[in-house]
C-alpha cells in the first residue's frame, strides 16, 4: 500500500491501518474494523486512536503499512 490513497473503486480490508487526510477527523489514525453495515457506499468503519469508531469516506483515508507510519503522518 505504501501510503497511497485508495479511491471509492477500492475498499480497505479489515485490519488496514489508515490515517485521515481532511475532514472532521483530519490527522487521526486507526484500523479499519468492518465494512458492515454498508451504510454509505465508498465509506469504511475505522476505529481511531483518538476519537473512537466512525464511518468515514474512503476518499479521505490513506493506507499505512505500519501503525508507526500512520502516527508519523500526522
C-alpha atoms as a PDB file:
ATOM      1  CA  UNK A   1       0.000   0.000   0.000  1.00  0.00           C
ATOM      2  CA  UNK A   2       2.913   2.325   0.678  1.00  0.00           C
ATOM      3  CA  UNK A   3       0.831   5.317   1.776  1.00  0.00           C
ATOM      4  CA  UNK A   4      -1.166   5.513  -1.450  1.00  0.00           C
ATOM      5  CA  UNK A   5      -4.727   6.767  -1.225  1.00  0.00           C
ATOM      6  CA  UNK A   6      -7.400   4.282  -2.238  1.00  0.00           C
ATOM      7  CA  UNK A   7     -10.366   5.568  -4.195  1.00  0.00           C
ATOM      8  CA  UNK A   8     -14.044   4.671  -3.904  1.00  0.00           C
ATOM      9  CA  UNK A   9     -13.402   1.956  -6.509  1.00  0.00           C
ATOM     10  CA  UNK A  10     -11.354   0.120  -3.880  1.00  0.00           C
ATOM     11  CA  UNK A  11     -12.158  -0.945  -0.368  1.00  0.00           C
ATOM     12  CA  UNK A  12      -9.969  -1.271   2.679  1.00  0.00           C
ATOM     13  CA  UNK A  13      -9.705  -4.806   4.083  1.00  0.00           C
ATOM     14  CA  UNK A  14     -10.427  -5.239   7.784  1.00  0.00           C
ATOM     15  CA  UNK A  15      -7.292  -4.539   9.800  1.00  0.00           C
ATOM     16  CA  UNK A  16      -5.790  -1.971   7.403  1.00  0.00           C
ATOM     17  CA  UNK A  17      -4.117   0.928   9.220  1.00  0.00           C
ATOM     18  CA  UNK A  18      -5.159   4.291   7.826  1.00  0.00           C
ATOM     19  CA  UNK A  19      -4.900   7.994   8.572  1.00  0.00           C
ATOM     20  CA  UNK A  20      -7.352  10.698   7.600  1.00  0.00           C
ATOM     21  CA  UNK A  21      -6.391  13.453   5.172  1.00  0.00           C
ATOM     22  CA  UNK A  22      -9.086  16.111   5.504  1.00  0.00           C
ATOM     23  CA  UNK A  23     -12.479  16.460   7.072  1.00  0.00           C
ATOM     24  CA  UNK A  24     -13.708  16.118  10.627  1.00  0.00           C
ATOM     25  CA  UNK A  25     -11.126  13.510  11.707  1.00  0.00           C
ATOM     26  CA  UNK A  26      -8.143  15.029   9.862  1.00  0.00           C
ATOM     27  CA  UNK A  27      -4.863  13.731  11.275  1.00  0.00           C
ATOM     28  CA  UNK A  28      -6.386  10.892  13.301  1.00  0.00           C
ATOM     29  CA  UNK A  29      -5.359   7.327  12.537  1.00  0.00           C
ATOM     30  CA  UNK A  30      -6.618   3.853  13.273  1.00  0.00           C
ATOM     31  CA  UNK A  31      -7.609   0.457  11.956  1.00  0.00           C
ATOM     32  CA  UNK A  32     -10.435  -0.442   9.559  1.00  0.00           C
ATOM     33  CA  UNK A  33     -12.720  -2.699  11.587  1.00  0.00           C
ATOM     34  CA  UNK A  34     -15.604  -3.630   9.308  1.00  0.00           C
ATOM     35  CA  UNK A  35     -17.437  -2.987   6.070  1.00  0.00           C
ATOM     36  CA  UNK A  36     -20.825  -3.889   7.542  1.00  0.00           C
ATOM     37  CA  UNK A  37     -23.308  -2.451   7.811  1.00  0.00           C
ATOM     38  CA  UNK A  38     -22.574  -0.749   4.493  1.00  0.00           C
ATOM     39  CA  UNK A  39     -24.500   2.420   5.321  1.00  0.00           C
ATOM     40  CA  UNK A  40     -22.770   4.507   2.685  1.00  0.00           C
ATOM     41  CA  UNK A  41     -21.007   3.007  -0.330  1.00  0.00           C
ATOM     42  CA  UNK A  42     -17.468   4.365  -0.519  1.00  0.00           C
ATOM     43  CA  UNK A  43     -17.089   4.563   3.268  1.00  0.00           C
ATOM     44  CA  UNK A  44     -15.310   2.419   5.839  1.00  0.00           C
ATOM     45  CA  UNK A  45     -15.693   1.901   9.590  1.00  0.00           C
ATOM     46  CA  UNK A  46     -12.457   2.955  11.309  1.00  0.00           C
ATOM     47  CA  UNK A  47     -11.527   2.558  14.988  1.00  0.00           C
ATOM     48  CA  UNK A  48      -9.483   5.730  15.516  1.00  0.00           C
ATOM     49  CA  UNK A  49      -6.876   6.108  18.234  1.00  0.00           C
ATOM     50  CA  UNK A  50      -8.259   9.460  19.424  1.00  0.00           C
ATOM     51  CA  UNK A  51     -11.944   9.638  18.523  1.00  0.00           C
ATOM     52  CA  UNK A  52     -13.366   6.097  18.610  1.00  0.00           C
ATOM     53  CA  UNK A  53     -15.127   4.219  15.797  1.00  0.00           C
ATOM     54  CA  UNK A  54     -16.629   6.227  12.927  1.00  0.00           C
ATOM     55  CA  UNK A  55     -17.836   5.752   9.357  1.00  0.00           C
ATOM     56  CA  UNK A  56     -15.501   7.748   7.093  1.00  0.00           C
ATOM     57  CA  UNK A  57     -15.448   8.276   3.300  1.00  0.00           C
ATOM     58  CA  UNK A  58     -12.638   6.192   1.785  1.00  0.00           C
ATOM     59  CA  UNK A  59     -11.656   9.207  -0.321  1.00  0.00           C
ATOM     60  CA  UNK A  60     -10.274  10.760   2.899  1.00  0.00           C
ATOM     61  CA  UNK A  61      -8.358   7.673   4.029  1.00  0.00           C
ATOM     62  CA  UNK A  62      -4.729   6.930   3.240  1.00  0.00           C
ATOM     63  CA  UNK A  63      -3.404   3.440   3.948  1.00  0.00           C
ATOM     64  CA  UNK A  64      -0.257   2.966   6.030  1.00  0.00           C
ATOM     65  CA  UNK A  65       1.987  -0.080   6.020  1.00  0.00           C
ATOM     66  CA  UNK A  66       2.540   0.145   9.777  1.00  0.00           C
ATOM     67  CA  UNK A  67       0.837   1.826  12.723  1.00  0.00           C
ATOM     68  CA  UNK A  68       4.069   3.754  13.349  1.00  0.00           C
ATOM     69  CA  UNK A  69       3.962   5.171   9.803  1.00  0.00           C
ATOM     70  CA  UNK A  70       0.424   6.458  10.421  1.00  0.00           C
ATOM     71  CA  UNK A  71       1.466   8.160  13.645  1.00  0.00           C
ATOM     72  CA  UNK A  72       4.299   9.993  11.855  1.00  0.00           C
ATOM     73  CA  UNK A  73       1.950  11.181   9.085  1.00  0.00           C
ATOM     74  CA  UNK A  74       0.024  13.467  11.444  1.00  0.00           C
END
